[in-house]
Amino acid sequence: MAFINFNAADVNPNSSFEPVPAGKYVAAIVDSTTKPTKNGAGEYLELVFEVLEGPYKGRRVWERLTLKHVNDTTVRIARGNLSAICRAVGVMTPADSSELHDLPLSITVALRKRDDNGEMANVVKGFAKREAPASTPRSAAGGAPWKR
């Protein structure tokens, strides 16, 4: 038995962890770790993206970039995705993955069926610069938007 001294009334319960719907999200990398592949034949960079805006703010999506592997195609795809991430956040020559943290970018998220349990899961399909928020045109005097 463990003494935890906890009052559930003081904490909002977690909602279900269903995947976020497919779409584009403003997100930032909040964590990154290098891990060995399951078969030990390579190494991947696991990136944790956190959604920064909208109804799914705070939700997380994971991406794995296999940067060391015997399969050259796998490495080429991962390096291309890393290049897209670097360009999207404006860090062209990171020496460490932490240099990519906390910089907003746009990610395109899709859904796929997991092989192990058949449940749906998120997969990141694209990376781009964060789109600038739309501005409302104003008159020279700073009044209401210009109308014809």
Foldseek 3Di string as FASTA:
>chain_A
DDDDPDDCVVDDDDDDQAADAFFKFKWAFADWDKDADPVNQFIWIKTWIAGCDDPRGGRIAIAIQTCTHPDPVSNVVSVVQVCLLCVQQVNRDDPDPCVRGPGIWMWGWHWDQDPPPRGIGIYTDHIHHDDDDDDAAAPPVRDHGDDD
